[in-house]
Amino acid sequence: MKAVLLLFLFAGMLLLAWFGLFPLLQGPTGDHQDAAGGGGAPENGSVSQGMVLDISVHSQDELKVLLDRAETLAMRPRPQGEKAGIVLVLHGPEVEFFAISNYSRYRDIVDQAARLDAFDVVDVKICRSMMEKLGVERDDIPAFIEQVPYGPGEVGRLVREGYVYF
């Protein structure tokens, strides 16, 4: 258990480092600089920044650590209208934490995730395949969470769009 928490703390520190150093990788106009020194957005229209976190945690404490790290990122200044740079794809036992029927038990986590999503800090997605496996109905998930057919497939799609896998 301690090893898992340490892993999540380390992951959180890496996230903070990424978002702390990212402005240094941008040119004077804010354009992303590629390895050859050129600026501008990727030609294929992919995302030039953003991270996808492939989430499959087993406890409320593990998920809380992850959401706390994302909340820390919320304090960094962002241009108006900038969308969430972090996508959380939930496809493990934590799916049950977000069932409306379990809200009283997991209120703190659900409220924190909703707040982070509302402020475009994170974009929360949940795997319908895991929901079905755990017996969680589609209408038992809060509206702020986007339901995707298959979590690992969504992670792969986001990586192909240019998100960094984490």
C-alpha atoms as a PDB file:
ATOM      1  CA  MET A   1       0.000   0.000   0.000  1.00  0.00           C
ATOM      2  CA  LYS A   2       2.812   2.399   0.901  1.00  0.00           C
ATOM      3  CA  ALA A   3       4.596   1.595  -2.351  1.00  0.00           C
ATOM      4  CA  VAL A   4       1.494   2.488  -4.357  1.00  0.00           C
ATOM      5  CA  LEU A   5       1.047   5.777  -2.500  1.00  0.00           C
ATOM      6  CA  LEU A   6       4.708   6.609  -3.073  1.00  0.00           C
ATOM      7  CA  LEU A   7       4.232   5.853  -6.763  1.00  0.00           C
ATOM      8  CA  PHE A   8       1.313   8.260  -6.926  1.00  0.00           C
ATOM      9  CA  LEU A   9       3.254  10.944  -5.055  1.00  0.00           C
ATOM     10  CA  PHE A  10       6.116  10.531  -7.523  1.00  0.00           C
ATOM     11  CA  ALA A  11       3.679  10.736 -10.433  1.00  0.00           C
ATOM     12  CA  GLY A  12       2.232  13.913  -8.958  1.00  0.00           C
ATOM     13  CA  MET A  13       5.670  15.464  -8.668  1.00  0.00           C
ATOM     14  CA  LEU A  14       6.372  14.589 -12.291  1.00  0.00           C
ATOM     15  CA  LEU A  15       3.123  16.294 -13.275  1.00  0.00           C
ATOM     16  CA  LEU A  16       4.108  19.396 -11.366  1.00  0.00           C
ATOM     17  CA  ALA A  17       7.530  19.394 -12.998  1.00  0.00           C
ATOM     18  CA  TRP A  18       5.985  19.012 -16.457  1.00  0.00           C
ATOM     19  CA  PHE A  19       3.616  21.916 -16.024  1.00  0.00           C
ATOM     20  CA  GLY A  20       6.259  23.996 -14.282  1.00  0.00           C
ATOM     21  CA  LEU A  21       8.779  23.486 -17.086  1.00  0.00           C
ATOM     22  CA  PHE A  22       6.391  23.565 -20.028  1.00  0.00           C
ATOM     23  CA  PRO A  23       6.446  27.402 -20.343  1.00  0.00           C
ATOM     24  CA  LEU A  24      10.230  27.201 -20.725  1.00  0.00           C
ATOM     25  CA  LEU A  25       9.734  25.023 -23.814  1.00  0.00           C
ATOM     26  CA  GLN A  26       7.603  27.684 -25.467  1.00  0.00           C
ATOM     27  CA  GLY A  27       8.907  30.463 -27.638  1.00  0.00           C
ATOM     28  CA  PRO A  28       8.439  34.182 -26.942  1.00  0.00           C
ATOM     29  CA  THR A  29       5.013  34.122 -28.613  1.00  0.00           C
ATOM     30  CA  GLY A  30       3.923  31.096 -26.593  1.00  0.00           C
ATOM     31  CA  ASP A  31       4.249  28.697 -29.531  1.00  0.00           C
ATOM     32  CA  HIS A  32       5.573  25.240 -28.780  1.00  0.00           C
ATOM     33  CA  GLN A  33       9.153  24.772 -29.999  1.00  0.00           C
ATOM     34  CA  ASP A  34       9.994  21.485 -31.665  1.00  0.00           C
ATOM     35  CA  ALA A  35      13.374  19.795 -31.497  1.00  0.00           C
ATOM     36  CA  ALA A  36      14.537  21.634 -34.630  1.00  0.00           C
ATOM     37  CA  GLY A  37      13.690  24.994 -33.092  1.00  0.00           C
ATOM     38  CA  GLY A  38      10.611  25.663 -35.200  1.00  0.00           C
ATOM     39  CA  GLY A  39       7.446  26.961 -33.599  1.00  0.00           C
ATOM     40  CA  GLY A  40       3.782  26.580 -34.127  1.00  0.00           C
ATOM     41  CA  ALA A  41       1.191  23.920 -33.655  1.00  0.00           C
ATOM     42  CA  PRO A  42       1.725  20.438 -34.947  1.00  0.00           C
ATOM     43  CA  GLU A  43       0.864  20.226 -38.634  1.00  0.00           C
ATOM     44  CA  ASN A  44      -1.440  17.246 -38.235  1.00  0.00           C
ATOM     45  CA  GLY A  45      -3.656  19.147 -35.796  1.00  0.00           C
ATOM     46  CA  SER A  46      -2.676  17.001 -32.832  1.00  0.00           C
ATOM     47  CA  VAL A  47      -2.529  18.324 -29.307  1.00  0.00           C
ATOM     48  CA  SER A  48       0.764  20.077 -28.568  1.00  0.00           C
ATOM     49  CA  GLN A  49       0.387  19.607 -24.840  1.00  0.00           C
ATOM     50  CA  GLY A  50      -1.690  17.590 -22.468  1.00  0.00           C
ATOM     51  CA  MET A  51      -1.426  14.396 -20.554  1.00  0.00           C
ATOM     52  CA  VAL A  52      -3.599  11.345 -20.344  1.00  0.00           C
ATOM     53  CA  LEU A  53      -3.504   9.510 -17.052  1.00  0.00           C
ATOM     54  CA  ASP A  54      -4.442   5.854 -17.328  1.00  0.00           C
ATOM     55  CA  ILE A  55      -6.169   5.355 -13.978  1.00  0.00           C
ATOM     56  CA  SER A  56      -6.886   2.052 -12.325  1.00  0.00           C
ATOM     57  CA  VAL A  57      -6.569   2.567  -8.581  1.00  0.00           C
ATOM     58  CA  HIS A  58      -7.833   0.298  -5.884  1.00  0.00           C
ATOM     59  CA  SER A  59      -8.509   2.612  -2.965  1.00  0.00           C
ATOM     60  CA  GLN A  60     -10.096   5.905  -2.130  1.00  0.00           C
ATOM     61  CA  ASP A  61      -6.777   7.150  -0.709  1.00  0.00           C
ATOM     62  CA  GLU A  62      -4.915   6.455  -3.962  1.00  0.00           C
ATOM     63  CA  LEU A  63      -7.465   8.381  -5.992  1.00  0.00           C
ATOM     64  CA  LYS A  64      -7.467  11.223  -3.459  1.00  0.00           C
ATOM     65  CA  VAL A  65      -3.686  11.628  -3.844  1.00  0.00           C
ATOM     66  CA  LEU A  66      -4.084  11.859  -7.608  1.00  0.00           C
ATOM     67  CA  LEU A  67      -6.914  14.416  -7.428  1.00  0.00           C
ATOM     68  CA  ASP A  68      -4.965  16.497  -4.892  1.00  0.00           C
ATOM     69  CA  ARG A  69      -2.040  16.693  -7.329  1.00  0.00           C
ATOM     70  CA  ALA A  70      -4.367  17.784 -10.118  1.00  0.00           C
ATOM     71  CA  GLU A  71      -5.842  20.420  -7.817  1.00  0.00           C
ATOM     72  CA  THR A  72      -2.345  21.765  -7.164  1.00  0.00           C
ATOM     73  CA  LEU A  73      -2.000  22.189 -10.916  1.00  0.00           C
ATOM     74  CA  ALA A  74      -5.180  24.262 -10.901  1.00  0.00           C
ATOM     75  CA  MET A  75      -3.262  27.069  -9.251  1.00  0.00           C
ATOM     76  CA  ARG A  76      -1.001  27.634 -12.248  1.00  0.00           C
ATOM     77  CA  PRO A  77      -2.091  30.503 -14.475  1.00  0.00           C
ATOM     78  CA  ARG A  78      -3.596  29.529 -17.819  1.00  0.00           C
ATOM     79  CA  PRO A  79      -4.829  31.552 -20.762  1.00  0.00           C
ATOM     80  CA  GLN A  80      -8.559  32.191 -20.778  1.00  0.00           C
ATOM     81  CA  GLY A  81     -10.432  29.419 -22.562  1.00  0.00           C
ATOM     82  CA  GLU A  82      -7.593  26.880 -22.289  1.00  0.00           C
ATOM     83  CA  LYS A  83      -9.089  23.413 -21.973  1.00  0.00           C
ATOM     84  CA  ALA A  84      -8.015  20.805 -19.463  1.00  0.00           C
ATOM     85  CA  GLY A  85      -4.481  19.605 -20.059  1.00  0.00           C
ATOM     86  CA  ILE A  86      -5.038  16.403 -18.118  1.00  0.00           C
ATOM     87  CA  VAL A  87      -7.473  13.658 -19.023  1.00  0.00           C
ATOM     88  CA  LEU A  88      -8.206  11.077 -16.328  1.00  0.00           C
ATOM     89  CA  VAL A  89      -9.435   7.817 -17.810  1.00  0.00           C
ATOM     90  CA  LEU A  90     -10.975   5.697 -15.060  1.00  0.00           C
ATOM     91  CA  HIS A  91     -11.246   1.993 -15.826  1.00  0.00           C
ATOM     92  CA  GLY A  92     -10.590   0.064 -12.644  1.00  0.00           C
ATOM     93  CA  PRO A  93     -12.297  -0.564  -9.324  1.00  0.00           C
ATOM     94  CA  GLU A  94     -12.513   3.222  -8.758  1.00  0.00           C
ATOM     95  CA  VAL A  95     -15.435   3.254 -11.205  1.00  0.00           C
ATOM     96  CA  GLU A  96     -17.673   2.307  -8.274  1.00  0.00           C
ATOM     97  CA  PHE A  97     -16.552   5.437  -6.367  1.00  0.00           C
ATOM     98  CA  PHE A  98     -18.387   7.553  -8.943  1.00  0.00           C
ATOM     99  CA  ALA A  99     -21.714   5.736  -8.928  1.00  0.00           C
ATOM    100  CA  ILE A 100     -24.420   8.126  -7.761  1.00  0.00           C
ATOM    101  CA  SER A 101     -25.737   5.311  -5.568  1.00  0.00           C
ATOM    102  CA  ASN A 102     -22.386   5.426  -3.680  1.00  0.00           C
ATOM    103  CA  TYR A 103     -22.258   9.221  -3.446  1.00  0.00           C
ATOM    104  CA  SER A 104     -22.698   9.424   0.334  1.00  0.00           C
ATOM    105  CA  ARG A 105     -19.728   7.095   0.833  1.00  0.00           C
ATOM    106  CA  TYR A 106     -17.388   8.787  -1.694  1.00  0.00           C
ATOM    107  CA  ARG A 107     -18.745  12.360  -1.575  1.00  0.00           C
ATOM    108  CA  ASP A 108     -15.336  14.023  -1.071  1.00  0.00           C
ATOM    109  CA  ILE A 109     -13.756  12.372  -4.115  1.00  0.00           C
ATOM    110  CA  VAL A 110     -16.760  12.874  -6.386  1.00  0.00           C
ATOM    111  CA  ASP A 111     -17.100  16.539  -5.378  1.00  0.00           C
ATOM    112  CA  GLN A 112     -13.381  17.158  -5.883  1.00  0.00           C
ATOM    113  CA  ALA A 113     -13.404  15.503  -9.317  1.00  0.00           C
ATOM    114  CA  ALA A 114     -16.507  17.515 -10.290  1.00  0.00           C
ATOM    115  CA  ARG A 115     -14.858  20.761  -9.173  1.00  0.00           C
ATOM    116  CA  LEU A 116     -11.644  19.987 -11.095  1.00  0.00           C
ATOM    117  CA  ASP A 117     -13.674  19.120 -14.186  1.00  0.00           C
ATOM    118  CA  ALA A 118     -15.812  22.276 -13.859  1.00  0.00           C
ATOM    119  CA  PHE A 119     -12.702  24.472 -13.733  1.00  0.00           C
ATOM    120  CA  ASP A 120     -11.166  22.651 -16.732  1.00  0.00           C
ATOM    121  CA  VAL A 121      -8.276  21.335 -14.662  1.00  0.00           C
ATOM    122  CA  VAL A 122      -9.043  17.759 -15.660  1.00  0.00           C
ATOM    123  CA  ASP A 123     -11.359  16.017 -18.062  1.00  0.00           C
ATOM    124  CA  VAL A 124     -12.758  12.902 -16.385  1.00  0.00           C
ATOM    125  CA  LYS A 125     -13.732   9.885 -18.499  1.00  0.00           C
ATOM    126  CA  ILE A 126     -15.020   6.531 -17.344  1.00  0.00           C
ATOM    127  CA  CYS A 127     -14.999   3.099 -18.993  1.00  0.00           C
ATOM    128  CA  ARG A 128     -18.443   1.646 -19.778  1.00  0.00           C
ATOM    129  CA  SER A 129     -16.965  -1.863 -20.053  1.00  0.00           C
ATOM    130  CA  MET A 130     -15.785  -1.683 -16.436  1.00  0.00           C
ATOM    131  CA  MET A 131     -19.093  -0.111 -15.405  1.00  0.00           C
ATOM    132  CA  GLU A 132     -20.925  -3.108 -16.875  1.00  0.00           C
ATOM    133  CA  LYS A 133     -18.507  -5.541 -15.225  1.00  0.00           C
ATOM    134  CA  LEU A 134     -19.113  -3.886 -11.830  1.00  0.00           C
ATOM    135  CA  GLY A 135     -22.868  -3.576 -12.331  1.00  0.00           C
ATOM    136  CA  VAL A 136     -22.864   0.230 -12.505  1.00  0.00           C
ATOM    137  CA  GLU A 137     -25.646   1.528 -14.742  1.00  0.00           C
ATOM    138  CA  ARG A 138     -25.035   4.321 -17.280  1.00  0.00           C
ATOM    139  CA  ASP A 139     -27.508   6.633 -15.533  1.00  0.00           C
ATOM    140  CA  ASP A 140     -25.769   6.023 -12.179  1.00  0.00           C
ATOM    141  CA  ILE A 141     -22.745   8.139 -13.200  1.00  0.00           C
ATOM    142  CA  PRO A 142     -22.710  11.948 -12.693  1.00  0.00           C
ATOM    143  CA  ALA A 143     -23.180  14.029 -15.838  1.00  0.00           C
ATOM    144  CA  PHE A 144     -19.754  15.701 -15.596  1.00  0.00           C
ATOM    145  CA  ILE A 145     -18.048  12.367 -16.348  1.00  0.00           C
ATOM    146  CA  GLU A 146     -17.833  11.387 -20.001  1.00  0.00           C
ATOM    147  CA  GLN A 147     -18.557   7.722 -20.560  1.00  0.00           C
ATOM    148  CA  VAL A 148     -16.343   6.006 -23.132  1.00  0.00           C
ATOM    149  CA  PRO A 149     -16.823   2.479 -24.495  1.00  0.00           C
ATOM    150  CA  TYR A 150     -13.424   1.104 -23.417  1.00  0.00           C
ATOM    151  CA  GLY A 151     -10.932   2.921 -21.159  1.00  0.00           C
ATOM    152  CA  PRO A 152      -7.670   1.517 -22.566  1.00  0.00           C
ATOM    153  CA  GLY A 153      -8.936   2.239 -26.098  1.00  0.00           C
ATOM    154  CA  GLU A 154      -9.634   5.856 -25.118  1.00  0.00           C
ATOM    155  CA  VAL A 155      -6.134   6.169 -23.679  1.00  0.00           C
ATOM    156  CA  GLY A 156      -4.706   4.913 -26.982  1.00  0.00           C
ATOM    157  CA  ARG A 157      -6.845   7.340 -28.981  1.00  0.00           C
ATOM    158  CA  LEU A 158      -5.690  10.290 -26.877  1.00  0.00           C
ATOM    159  CA  VAL A 159      -2.042   9.269 -27.233  1.00  0.00           C
ATOM    160  CA  ARG A 160      -2.490   9.128 -31.018  1.00  0.00           C
ATOM    161  CA  GLU A 161      -3.937  12.666 -30.845  1.00  0.00           C
ATOM    162  CA  GLY A 162      -0.749  13.886 -29.189  1.00  0.00           C
ATOM    163  CA  TYR A 163      -1.396  13.533 -25.470  1.00  0.00           C
ATOM    164  CA  VAL A 164       1.513  12.325 -23.374  1.00  0.00           C
ATOM    165  CA  TYR A 165       0.825   8.951 -21.727  1.00  0.00           C
ATOM    166  CA  PHE A 166       1.384   8.975 -18.004  1.00  0.00           C
END
